[in-house]
C-alpha atoms as a PDB file:
ATOM      1  CA  MET A   1      68.646 105.375  75.500  1.00  0.00           C
ATOM      2  CA  GLU A   2      71.999 104.525  77.043  1.00  0.00           C
ATOM      3  CA  VAL A   3      72.292 104.767  80.832  1.00  0.00           C
ATOM      4  CA  ILE A   4      75.037 104.213  83.408  1.00  0.00           C
ATOM      5  CA  LEU A   5      73.839 101.938  86.190  1.00  0.00           C
ATOM      6  CA  LEU A   6      74.454 103.377  89.659  1.00  0.00           C
ATOM      7  CA  GLU A   7      73.424 100.122  91.352  1.00  0.00           C
ATOM      8  CA  ASP A   8      73.072  96.473  90.353  1.00  0.00           C
ATOM      9  CA  VAL A   9      69.734  96.005  88.578  1.00  0.00           C
ATOM     10  CA  GLU A  10      68.416  92.468  88.304  1.00  0.00           C
ATOM     11  CA  ASN A  11      68.131  91.182  84.711  1.00  0.00           C
ATOM     12  CA  LEU A  12      69.813  94.343  83.399  1.00  0.00           C
ATOM     13  CA  GLY A  13      73.384  94.712  84.640  1.00  0.00           C
ATOM     14  CA  LYS A  14      75.871  95.531  87.361  1.00  0.00           C
ATOM     15  CA  MET A  15      76.813  98.884  88.827  1.00  0.00           C
ATOM     16  CA  GLY A  16      79.011 100.923  86.481  1.00  0.00           C
ATOM     17  CA  GLU A  17      77.890  99.227  83.287  1.00  0.00           C
ATOM     18  CA  ILE A  18      76.559 101.245  80.369  1.00  0.00           C
ATOM     19  CA  VAL A  19      73.417  99.585  79.020  1.00  0.00           C
ATOM     20  CA  LYS A  20      70.888 100.411  76.318  1.00  0.00           C
ATOM     21  CA  VAL A  21      67.268 100.467  77.537  1.00  0.00           C
ATOM     22  CA  ALA A  22      63.918 101.744  76.309  1.00  0.00           C
ATOM     23  CA  ASP A  23      63.448 105.509  76.771  1.00  0.00           C
ATOM     24  CA  GLY A  24      60.320 105.039  78.916  1.00  0.00           C
ATOM     25  CA  TYR A  25      62.011 102.480  81.195  1.00  0.00           C
ATOM     26  CA  ALA A  26      64.885 104.891  81.807  1.00  0.00           C
ATOM     27  CA  ARG A  27      62.721 108.004  82.300  1.00  0.00           C
ATOM     28  CA  ASN A  28      59.954 106.391  84.354  1.00  0.00           C
ATOM     29  CA  TYR A  29      61.782 103.771  86.402  1.00  0.00           C
ATOM     30  CA  LEU A  30      65.596 103.812  86.463  1.00  0.00           C
ATOM     31  CA  ILE A  31      66.351 107.540  86.668  1.00  0.00           C
ATOM     32  CA  PRO A  32      63.624 108.527  89.225  1.00  0.00           C
ATOM     33  CA  ARG A  33      64.720 105.699  91.539  1.00  0.00           C
ATOM     34  CA  LYS A  34      68.369 106.794  91.168  1.00  0.00           C
ATOM     35  CA  LEU A  35      69.323 103.409  89.760  1.00  0.00           C
ATOM     36  CA  ALA A  36      70.851 104.998  86.653  1.00  0.00           C
ATOM     37  CA  VAL A  37      71.811 108.265  84.959  1.00  0.00           C
ATOM     38  CA  LYS A  38      71.681 109.144  81.274  1.00  0.00           C
ATOM     39  CA  ALA A  39      74.985 108.240  79.626  1.00  0.00           C
ATOM     40  CA  ASP A  40      76.185 111.474  78.043  1.00  0.00           C
ATOM     41  CA  PRO A  41      79.946 111.860  77.329  1.00  0.00           C
ATOM     42  CA  LYS A  42      80.506 114.077  80.402  1.00  0.00           C
ATOM     43  CA  LYS A  43      78.816 111.602  82.783  1.00  0.00           C
ATOM     44  CA  VAL A  44      80.690 108.645  81.266  1.00  0.00           C
ATOM     45  CA  LYS A  45      84.028 110.411  81.732  1.00  0.00           C
ATOM     46  CA  GLU A  46      83.122 111.424  85.304  1.00  0.00           C
ATOM     47  CA  PHE A  47      82.015 107.899  86.188  1.00  0.00           C
ATOM     48  CA  GLU A  48      85.169 106.343  84.714  1.00  0.00           C
ATOM     49  CA  HIS A  49      87.257 108.696  86.880  1.00  0.00           C
ATOM     50  CA  LYS A  50      85.311 107.692  90.016  1.00  0.00           C
ATOM     51  CA  LYS A  51      85.759 104.029  89.110  1.00  0.00           C
ATOM     52  CA  ARG A  52      89.547 104.464  88.802  1.00  0.00           C
ATOM     53  CA  MET A  53      89.713 106.251  92.170  1.00  0.00           C
ATOM     54  CA  ILE A  54      87.721 103.504  93.886  1.00  0.00           C
ATOM     55  CA  GLN A  55      89.912 100.851  92.255  1.00  0.00           C
ATOM     56  CA  ARG A  56      93.055 102.571  93.589  1.00  0.00           C
ATOM     57  CA  LYS A  57      91.602 102.635  97.110  1.00  0.00           C
ATOM     58  CA  ILE A  58      90.736  98.940  96.876  1.00  0.00           C
ATOM     59  CA  GLU A  59      94.255  98.071  95.676  1.00  0.00           C
ATOM     60  CA  LYS A  60      95.802 100.059  98.535  1.00  0.00           C
ATOM     61  CA  LYS A  61      93.571  98.360 101.094  1.00  0.00           C
ATOM     62  CA  LYS A  62      94.340  94.958  99.561  1.00  0.00           C
ATOM     63  CA  ARG A  63      98.098  95.524  99.973  1.00  0.00           C
ATOM     64  CA  ALA A  64      97.555  96.521 103.614  1.00  0.00           C
ATOM     65  CA  LEU A  65      95.454  93.387 104.215  1.00  0.00           C
ATOM     66  CA  GLU A  66      98.114  91.202 102.595  1.00  0.00           C
ATOM     67  CA  SER A  67     100.688  92.509 105.078  1.00  0.00           C
ATOM     68  CA  VAL A  68      98.263  91.780 107.950  1.00  0.00           C
ATOM     69  CA  ALA A  69      97.741  88.253 106.579  1.00  0.00           C
ATOM     70  CA  GLU A  70     101.521  87.723 106.466  1.00  0.00           C
ATOM     71  CA  LYS A  71     101.810  88.919 110.086  1.00  0.00           C
ATOM     72  CA  LEU A  72      99.027  86.579 111.157  1.00  0.00           C
ATOM     73  CA  ALA A  73     100.665  83.614 109.401  1.00  0.00           C
ATOM     74  CA  LYS A  74     103.779  84.090 111.563  1.00  0.00           C
ATOM     75  CA  ILE A  75     101.842  84.178 114.855  1.00  0.00           C
ATOM     76  CA  LYS A  76     101.493  81.156 117.103  1.00  0.00           C
ATOM     77  CA  LEU A  77      99.276  81.704 120.120  1.00  0.00           C
ATOM     78  CA  THR A  78      99.689  79.458 123.160  1.00  0.00           C
ATOM     79  CA  PHE A  79      97.002  78.919 125.783  1.00  0.00           C
ATOM     80  CA  GLU A  80      97.521  76.912 128.975  1.00  0.00           C
ATOM     81  CA  ARG A  81      94.501  75.281 130.600  1.00  0.00           C
ATOM     82  CA  LYS A  82      93.942  72.755 133.425  1.00  0.00           C
ATOM     83  CA  LEU A  83      93.684  69.139 132.330  1.00  0.00           C
ATOM     84  CA  VAL A  84      90.701  66.955 133.197  1.00  0.00           C
ATOM     85  CA  GLU A  85      91.917  64.048 135.341  1.00  0.00           C
ATOM     86  CA  GLY A  86      91.720  60.631 133.729  1.00  0.00           C
ATOM     87  CA  GLU A  87      90.889  61.892 130.229  1.00  0.00           C
ATOM     88  CA  GLU A  88      93.778  62.232 127.787  1.00  0.00           C
ATOM     89  CA  GLY A  89      94.174  65.763 126.363  1.00  0.00           C
ATOM     90  CA  LYS A  90      90.831  67.118 127.607  1.00  0.00           C
ATOM     91  CA  ILE A  91      90.863  70.526 129.280  1.00  0.00           C
ATOM     92  CA  TYR A  92      88.560  72.336 131.685  1.00  0.00           C
ATOM     93  CA  GLY A  93      86.760  75.123 129.879  1.00  0.00           C
ATOM     94  CA  SER A  94      87.780  75.937 126.326  1.00  0.00           C
ATOM     95  CA  VAL A  95      89.636  78.328 124.068  1.00  0.00           C
ATOM     96  CA  SER A  96      87.110  80.477 122.207  1.00  0.00           C
ATOM     97  CA  ALA A  97      87.189  83.123 119.481  1.00  0.00           C
ATOM     98  CA  ILE A  98      87.072  85.786 122.208  1.00  0.00           C
ATOM     99  CA  ASP A  99      90.227  84.325 123.830  1.00  0.00           C
ATOM    100  CA  ILE A 100      91.999  84.356 120.471  1.00  0.00           C
ATOM    101  CA  ALA A 101      90.856  87.936 119.692  1.00  0.00           C
ATOM    102  CA  ASN A 102      92.105  89.119 123.116  1.00  0.00           C
ATOM    103  CA  ALA A 103      95.471  87.371 122.654  1.00  0.00           C
ATOM    104  CA  LEU A 104      95.868  88.982 119.216  1.00  0.00           C
ATOM    105  CA  LYS A 105      94.948  92.371 120.695  1.00  0.00           C
ATOM    106  CA  GLU A 106      97.814  91.980 123.194  1.00  0.00           C
ATOM    107  CA  GLN A 107     100.125  91.517 120.204  1.00  0.00           C
ATOM    108  CA  GLY A 108      98.845  94.684 118.541  1.00  0.00           C
ATOM    109  CA  ILE A 109      96.398  93.155 116.056  1.00  0.00           C
ATOM    110  CA  GLU A 110      92.779  94.216 116.505  1.00  0.00           C
ATOM    111  CA  LEU A 111      90.236  91.742 115.108  1.00  0.00           C
ATOM    112  CA  SER A 112      86.610  91.214 115.996  1.00  0.00           C
ATOM    113  CA  LYS A 113      85.620  87.814 117.321  1.00  0.00           C
ATOM    114  CA  ALA A 114      83.344  87.458 114.277  1.00  0.00           C
ATOM    115  CA  SER A 115      86.351  87.483 111.953  1.00  0.00           C
ATOM    116  CA  ILE A 116      87.830  84.461 113.746  1.00  0.00           C
ATOM    117  CA  GLU A 117      86.222  81.493 112.029  1.00  0.00           C
ATOM    118  CA  LEU A 118      86.356  78.974 114.847  1.00  0.00           C
ATOM    119  CA  GLU A 119      83.555  76.442 114.279  1.00  0.00           C
ATOM    120  CA  LYS A 120      83.401  75.516 117.945  1.00  0.00           C
ATOM    121  CA  PRO A 121      85.577  76.291 120.962  1.00  0.00           C
ATOM    122  CA  ILE A 122      88.739  74.213 121.344  1.00  0.00           C
ATOM    123  CA  LYS A 123      88.320  71.766 124.237  1.00  0.00           C
ATOM    124  CA  GLN A 124      91.495  69.694 124.100  1.00  0.00           C
ATOM    125  CA  THR A 125      95.239  70.058 123.903  1.00  0.00           C
ATOM    126  CA  GLY A 126      97.067  70.225 120.601  1.00  0.00           C
ATOM    127  CA  VAL A 127      98.000  72.551 117.769  1.00  0.00           C
ATOM    128  CA  PHE A 128      95.162  73.928 115.671  1.00  0.00           C
ATOM    129  CA  VAL A 129      95.017  76.064 112.527  1.00  0.00           C
ATOM    130  CA  VAL A 130      92.348  78.739 112.891  1.00  0.00           C
ATOM    131  CA  PRO A 131      91.088  80.601 109.791  1.00  0.00           C
ATOM    132  CA  ILE A 132      90.694  84.376 109.981  1.00  0.00           C
ATOM    133  CA  LYS A 133      88.307  86.276 107.695  1.00  0.00           C
ATOM    134  CA  LEU A 134      89.643  89.660 106.588  1.00  0.00           C
ATOM    135  CA  GLU A 135      87.923  92.346 104.514  1.00  0.00           C
ATOM    136  CA  LEU A 136      87.563  92.176 100.707  1.00  0.00           C
ATOM    137  CA  GLY A 137      87.062  88.414 100.907  1.00  0.00           C
ATOM    138  CA  MET A 138      90.662  87.785 101.971  1.00  0.00           C
ATOM    139  CA  LYS A 139      91.555  85.037 104.440  1.00  0.00           C
ATOM    140  CA  ALA A 140      94.476  84.299 106.749  1.00  0.00           C
ATOM    141  CA  GLN A 141      95.390  81.595 109.248  1.00  0.00           C
ATOM    142  CA  ILE A 142      97.006  81.483 112.652  1.00  0.00           C
ATOM    143  CA  GLN A 143      98.308  78.619 114.741  1.00  0.00           C
ATOM    144  CA  VAL A 144      96.813  78.080 118.168  1.00  0.00           C
ATOM    145  CA  GLU A 145      98.487  75.718 120.606  1.00  0.00           C
ATOM    146  CA  VAL A 146      96.602  74.547 123.664  1.00  0.00           C
ATOM    147  CA  THR A 147      98.736  73.018 126.406  1.00  0.00           C
ATOM    148  CA  GLY A 148      97.622  71.372 129.595  1.00  0.00           C
ATOM    149  CA  LYS A 149      98.824  71.656 133.147  1.00  0.00           C
ATOM    150  CA  ASP A 150      98.109  69.230 135.954  1.00  0.00           C
ATOM    151  CA  GLU A 151      96.255  70.499 139.000  1.00  0.00           C
ATOM    152  CA  GLY A 152      99.182  69.512 141.200  1.00  0.00           C
ATOM    153  CA  ASN A 153     101.479  72.121 139.555  1.00  0.00           C
END
């Protein structure tokens, strides 16, 4: 019997594939657990239509994410922190993913702190490239500059 997989099934196939299986396996396992449906011409046509619609949505979202990635590439965030006396370039406190997310929010870009892939908070002055994780496996980068100010200023 040929079935259309509604979910990924280990050792059988991925969602959307049409596979040939034993009649008993389909009737007793796949179909009752809603892992597959019998592949008649009507169901195949219906499923292909759904697949095309989903693909269009993904393409549209991908284009939107590409424009967000381009926007992010043009952004350079600057943070000013107090310098630690006697230690070159070290700052009090740090610049964290939350600080970066808040600064982006002020510029009209809403991102969760989890999407900012900062391994550890920035604790010294300089220019840093920070990776940003977007949906659909896409990535972007922003520049973060940390400057120091002396306590006397």
